[in-house]
Amino acid sequence: MKYRVPAIALIASAAIATALTVEPIRAPDDVAGPPADAEKTASGLASKVLMPGKGTTHPASTDLVTVHYSGWTTDGKNFDSSLSVGKPVTFPLDKVIAGWTEGVQLMVAGEKRRFWIPEELAYKGKEGRPAGMLVFDVELISFKSPAPKETSVDPTKAPGDVQRTPADAKRTGTGLSYKILKPGKGARHPEATSSVTVNYSGWTTDGKLFDSTYERHEPATFRLNRVIPGWTEGLQLMVEGEKRRFWIPEAMAYAGNGPVSGDLVFDIELIKIN
């Protein structure tokens, strides 16, 4: 996803935001320095709540935040504002100047706050950037955690929890345990007789890989009433695109009558319900 990058964001970028072509936002009366009733953190960041928000949850340093803001130098010059373009901006909170990263974490959604950011928490005298202490009015509209980064993990390598079911796994009434590794899309689930196409790897609890579509470089297609009971039950919990890890007790696996014995662990990606 691409974000509009405000002047306070991505300090290492090559150029600052272009000059505003609309009327500048008027500076507050206390732009020259923080008033006596402003809060101050140990880093030297000063702030004052202009409008309280709702709730008690604060953004984390890596969250994606959506804000409206205006920024001034202490002589009252407005150098950037989302209000001038009439559209809030969204960006990762750890990709902006240090004063923003610290300050916005003090806020809750709906809150508006004024910040006096000392130069060492702003651009630190970097050429081409606003110099000295900066003043920002920030309204935190919303925030959310970033999407998890995809990693290139070998899908045939036994997971770290192959030996035993972790405490955060969910468990059904039959004893089947599972954990969602990647959410899917939609609300359609396969039925007990559905034909499905999947990628999967299976291990014994000592970490031995005994079967995998990834080694054959081709997904498998079969009917859910033609596989072990743990698969028949487990796949019906999934939606297309989802990936889950299952810890299947022996009674729901081969029950001592198959190519491998004991409890089994499977990572399964449901590609398609046919």
Protein backbone atom coordinates (compact mmCIF):
# COMPACT_ATOMS: atom_id res chain seq x y z
CA MET A 1 0.00 0.00 0.00
CA LYS A 2 1.27 3.48 -0.82
CA TYR A 3 0.93 6.40 1.56
CA ARG A 4 1.11 10.14 1.05
CA VAL A 5 4.32 11.12 2.77
CA PRO A 6 4.07 14.35 4.78
CA ALA A 7 7.01 16.64 5.40
CA ILE A 8 7.57 15.08 8.83
CA ALA A 9 7.89 11.58 7.41
CA LEU A 10 10.85 9.59 6.10
CA ILE A 11 13.68 11.83 7.22
CA ALA A 12 16.09 10.13 4.84
CA SER A 13 14.06 10.97 1.72
CA ALA A 14 15.59 13.19 -0.91
CA ALA A 15 13.33 16.23 -0.74
CA ILE A 16 10.88 17.94 1.55
CA ALA A 17 7.24 18.43 0.62
CA THR A 18 6.70 21.07 -2.03
CA ALA A 19 5.65 24.55 -1.02
CA LEU A 20 1.96 24.97 -0.34
CA THR A 21 0.04 26.73 -3.09
CA VAL A 22 -2.93 27.54 -0.86
CA GLU A 23 -3.42 29.84 2.09
CA PRO A 24 -1.11 28.83 4.96
CA ILE A 25 -2.66 27.66 8.21
CA ARG A 26 -2.55 30.37 10.85
CA ALA A 27 -0.05 29.74 13.63
CA PRO A 28 -1.31 29.38 17.21
CA ASP A 29 -0.61 32.19 19.68
CA ASP A 30 1.82 30.01 21.64
CA VAL A 31 3.88 28.95 18.60
CA ALA A 32 7.06 30.57 19.96
CA GLY A 33 7.36 28.11 22.85
CA PRO A 34 5.44 25.77 25.11
CA PRO A 35 3.22 27.46 27.71
CA ALA A 36 3.59 26.80 31.43
CA ASP A 37 0.68 24.33 31.46
CA ALA A 38 2.13 22.12 28.71
CA GLU A 39 3.13 18.56 29.62
CA LYS A 40 6.78 17.66 29.13
CA THR A 41 8.41 14.25 28.73
CA ALA A 42 11.91 13.25 29.77
CA SER A 43 13.12 13.67 26.17
CA GLY A 44 12.10 17.33 26.13
CA LEU A 45 8.94 16.86 24.05
CA ALA A 46 6.19 19.25 25.20
CA SER A 47 2.49 18.83 24.45
CA LYS A 48 -0.96 20.08 25.31
CA VAL A 49 -4.29 18.35 24.69
CA LEU A 50 -6.53 20.57 22.55
CA MET A 51 -9.42 18.11 22.19
CA PRO A 52 -9.77 14.87 24.18
CA GLY A 53 -10.29 11.61 22.34
CA LYS A 54 -12.13 8.42 23.19
CA GLY A 55 -10.94 5.17 24.70
CA THR A 56 -7.71 4.24 26.42
CA THR A 57 -5.80 2.46 23.66
CA HIS A 58 -2.68 4.17 22.32
CA PRO A 59 -0.81 3.48 19.07
CA ALA A 60 2.32 1.35 19.13
CA SER A 61 5.53 2.73 17.62
CA THR A 62 5.12 0.58 14.49
CA ASP A 63 1.39 1.18 13.91
CA LEU A 64 -0.05 2.81 10.82
CA VAL A 65 -1.63 6.09 11.92
CA THR A 66 -4.08 8.32 10.06
CA VAL A 67 -3.89 11.98 11.06
CA HIS A 68 -4.67 15.55 10.19
CA TYR A 69 -1.86 17.94 11.11
CA SER A 70 -0.32 21.36 10.60
CA GLY A 71 3.30 22.30 11.29
CA TRP A 72 5.00 25.64 11.99
CA THR A 73 8.45 26.94 12.80
CA THR A 74 8.57 29.02 15.99
CA ASP A 75 8.41 32.28 13.97
CA GLY A 76 4.92 31.24 12.87
CA LYS A 77 5.72 30.04 9.35
CA ASN A 78 3.44 27.21 8.24
CA PHE A 79 5.60 24.70 6.33
CA ASP A 80 3.21 21.78 5.96
CA SER A 81 -0.43 20.84 6.58
CA SER A 82 -2.81 18.07 5.58
CA LEU A 83 -5.66 20.55 6.10
CA SER A 84 -4.45 22.54 3.09
CA VAL A 85 -5.21 19.61 0.79
CA GLY A 86 -8.32 18.56 2.69
CA LYS A 87 -7.24 14.96 3.13
CA PRO A 88 -5.70 13.13 6.13
CA VAL A 89 -2.47 11.19 5.72
CA THR A 90 -1.54 7.66 6.75
CA PHE A 91 1.99 6.49 7.49
CA PRO A 92 3.98 4.11 9.73
CA LEU A 93 4.71 5.81 13.05
CA ASP A 94 8.30 4.55 13.11
CA LYS A 95 9.11 6.28 9.78
CA VAL A 96 8.75 9.86 10.97
CA ILE A 97 10.75 12.27 13.10
CA ALA A 98 11.39 11.11 16.66
CA GLY A 99 9.10 13.73 18.18
CA TRP A 100 6.16 12.36 16.23
CA THR A 101 6.97 8.74 17.03
CA GLU A 102 7.04 9.54 20.74
CA GLY A 103 4.22 12.07 20.79
CA VAL A 104 1.52 10.26 18.85
CA GLN A 105 1.93 7.25 21.15
CA LEU A 106 0.62 9.50 23.95
CA MET A 107 -2.67 10.01 22.09
CA VAL A 108 -5.92 8.09 21.66
CA ALA A 109 -8.19 8.05 18.60
CA GLY A 110 -10.14 11.29 18.18
CA GLU A 111 -7.67 13.32 20.23
CA LYS A 112 -6.10 16.56 19.04
CA ARG A 113 -2.83 17.67 20.60
CA ARG A 114 -0.27 20.43 20.11
CA PHE A 115 3.40 19.45 20.21
CA TRP A 116 6.49 21.56 20.69
CA ILE A 117 9.28 19.39 19.29
CA PRO A 118 12.89 20.36 20.07
CA GLU A 119 15.32 20.28 17.17
CA GLU A 120 17.04 17.12 18.41
CA LEU A 121 13.68 15.29 18.10
CA ALA A 122 12.93 16.91 14.73
CA TYR A 123 15.34 17.33 11.79
CA LYS A 124 18.51 17.94 13.82
CA GLY A 125 19.69 20.76 11.56
CA LYS A 126 19.49 18.65 8.39
CA GLU A 127 19.95 20.78 5.30
CA GLY A 128 16.78 21.59 3.41
CA ARG A 129 14.49 20.83 6.38
CA PRO A 130 12.72 23.19 8.78
CA ALA A 131 15.25 24.20 11.44
CA GLY A 132 14.96 24.64 15.17
CA MET A 133 12.02 23.76 17.36
CA LEU A 134 8.87 22.78 15.43
CA VAL A 135 5.25 23.08 16.49
CA PHE A 136 2.56 20.68 15.30
CA ASP A 137 -1.16 20.42 15.83
CA VAL A 138 -2.01 16.74 15.34
CA GLU A 139 -5.43 15.09 15.27
CA LEU A 140 -5.23 11.30 15.56
CA ILE A 141 -8.10 9.97 13.45
CA SER A 142 -7.32 6.25 13.66
CA PHE A 143 -4.52 3.70 13.92
CA LYS A 144 -3.97 0.02 13.24
CA SER A 145 -1.25 -2.58 13.36
CA PRO A 146 0.73 -3.06 10.13
CA ALA A 147 0.14 -6.15 8.05
CA PRO A 148 2.51 -8.97 8.99
CA LYS A 149 5.53 -9.26 6.77
CA GLU A 150 5.72 -12.35 4.64
CA THR A 151 8.87 -14.36 5.19
CA SER A 152 10.42 -16.94 2.91
CA VAL A 153 10.30 -19.89 5.31
CA ASP A 154 10.92 -23.39 3.96
CA PRO A 155 7.40 -24.94 4.07
CA THR A 156 8.88 -28.42 4.49
CA LYS A 157 10.88 -27.57 7.60
CA ALA A 158 9.34 -28.76 10.85
CA PRO A 159 7.91 -25.88 12.92
CA GLY A 160 9.29 -25.09 16.35
CA ASP A 161 6.09 -26.31 18.03
CA VAL A 162 5.98 -29.69 16.25
CA GLN A 163 6.57 -31.67 19.45
CA ARG A 164 3.58 -30.38 21.40
CA THR A 165 0.51 -28.21 20.97
CA PRO A 166 1.21 -24.61 22.12
CA ALA A 167 -0.91 -22.96 24.79
CA ASP A 168 -2.46 -20.47 22.33
CA ALA A 169 -3.76 -23.16 19.97
CA LYS A 170 -7.51 -23.73 19.82
CA ARG A 171 -8.99 -27.16 20.47
CA THR A 172 -12.20 -28.79 19.26
CA GLY A 173 -14.35 -31.26 21.18
CA THR A 174 -12.72 -34.19 19.37
CA GLY A 175 -9.19 -33.24 20.51
CA LEU A 176 -8.12 -31.67 17.21
CA SER A 177 -5.93 -28.61 17.86
CA TYR A 178 -5.14 -25.85 15.39
CA LYS A 179 -3.69 -22.40 14.90
CA ILE A 180 -4.29 -19.95 12.05
CA LEU A 181 -1.04 -19.07 10.29
CA LYS A 182 -2.54 -16.90 7.54
CA PRO A 183 -6.14 -15.66 7.30
CA GLY A 184 -8.15 -16.41 4.20
CA LYS A 185 -10.92 -14.56 2.40
CA GLY A 186 -14.67 -14.93 2.35
CA ALA A 187 -17.01 -16.97 4.52
CA ARG A 188 -17.45 -20.15 2.49
CA HIS A 189 -16.26 -23.37 4.14
CA PRO A 190 -15.95 -26.80 2.53
CA GLU A 191 -18.39 -29.54 3.48
CA ALA A 192 -17.48 -33.07 4.54
CA THR A 193 -17.83 -34.34 0.95
CA SER A 194 -16.34 -31.30 -0.83
CA SER A 195 -13.45 -31.56 -3.24
CA VAL A 196 -10.59 -29.28 -2.19
CA THR A 197 -7.21 -28.25 -3.58
CA VAL A 198 -4.48 -27.76 -0.99
CA ASN A 199 -0.79 -27.40 -0.34
CA TYR A 200 0.47 -29.10 2.79
CA SER A 201 3.37 -30.58 4.73
CA GLY A 202 3.07 -33.26 7.40
CA TRP A 203 5.44 -34.21 10.22
CA THR A 204 5.62 -36.71 13.02
CA THR A 205 6.13 -35.13 16.44
CA ASP A 206 9.88 -35.85 16.29
CA GLY A 207 10.06 -33.41 13.35
CA LYS A 208 10.31 -35.96 10.55
CA LEU A 209 8.70 -34.83 7.29
CA PHE A 210 6.71 -37.72 5.84
CA ASP A 211 4.68 -36.00 3.10
CA SER A 212 4.54 -32.64 1.33
CA THR A 213 3.04 -31.21 -1.84
CA TYR A 214 5.86 -28.66 -1.83
CA GLU A 215 8.39 -31.41 -2.56
CA ARG A 216 6.26 -32.53 -5.52
CA HIS A 217 5.83 -28.90 -6.66
CA GLU A 218 2.13 -29.48 -7.22
CA PRO A 219 -0.93 -29.02 -4.98
CA ALA A 220 -3.18 -31.97 -4.21
CA THR A 221 -6.90 -32.29 -4.92
CA PHE A 222 -9.17 -34.76 -3.10
CA ARG A 223 -12.55 -35.18 -1.42
CA LEU A 224 -12.68 -34.54 2.31
CA ASN A 225 -14.48 -37.82 3.01
CA ARG A 226 -11.49 -39.72 1.57
CA VAL A 227 -8.85 -38.54 4.04
CA ILE A 228 -8.03 -39.03 7.73
CA PRO A 229 -10.72 -37.75 10.16
CA GLY A 230 -8.49 -34.92 11.42
CA TRP A 231 -8.34 -33.53 7.90
CA THR A 232 -12.06 -33.99 7.27
CA GLU A 233 -12.89 -32.02 10.42
CA GLY A 234 -10.10 -29.48 10.19
CA LEU A 235 -10.52 -28.41 6.56
CA GLN A 236 -14.19 -27.64 7.19
CA LEU A 237 -13.07 -24.89 9.60
CA MET A 238 -11.12 -23.11 6.86
CA VAL A 239 -11.87 -20.68 4.04
CA GLU A 240 -10.08 -20.26 0.73
CA GLY A 241 -6.62 -18.72 1.02
CA GLU A 242 -6.29 -19.65 4.69
CA LYS A 243 -3.33 -21.53 6.13
CA ARG A 244 -3.56 -23.45 9.43
CA ARG A 245 -1.40 -25.71 11.52
CA PHE A 246 -3.13 -28.80 12.90
CA TRP A 247 -2.04 -31.08 15.72
CA ILE A 248 -3.93 -34.29 15.02
CA PRO A 249 -4.15 -37.00 17.71
CA GLU A 250 -3.40 -40.55 16.54
CA ALA A 251 -7.07 -41.57 16.85
CA MET A 252 -7.94 -38.93 14.22
CA ALA A 253 -4.94 -39.73 12.03
CA TYR A 254 -4.05 -43.26 10.87
CA ALA A 255 -5.00 -44.94 14.17
CA GLY A 256 -2.04 -47.30 13.88
CA ASN A 257 -3.01 -48.48 10.38
CA GLY A 258 -1.13 -46.09 8.10
CA PRO A 259 2.30 -45.16 6.80
CA VAL A 260 3.15 -43.25 10.01
CA SER A 261 2.04 -43.65 13.61
CA GLY A 262 1.36 -41.42 16.59
CA ASP A 263 0.13 -37.84 16.66
CA LEU A 264 0.76 -35.87 13.46
CA VAL A 265 1.28 -32.20 12.66
CA PHE A 266 0.17 -30.63 9.37
CA ASP A 267 0.50 -27.16 7.85
CA ILE A 268 -2.34 -26.88 5.32
CA GLU A 269 -3.16 -24.09 2.90
CA LEU A 270 -6.65 -24.28 1.40
CA ILE A 271 -6.17 -23.01 -2.14
CA LYS A 272 -9.61 -23.76 -3.54
CA ILE A 273 -12.96 -25.35 -2.76
CA ASN A 274 -13.82 -27.08 -6.04
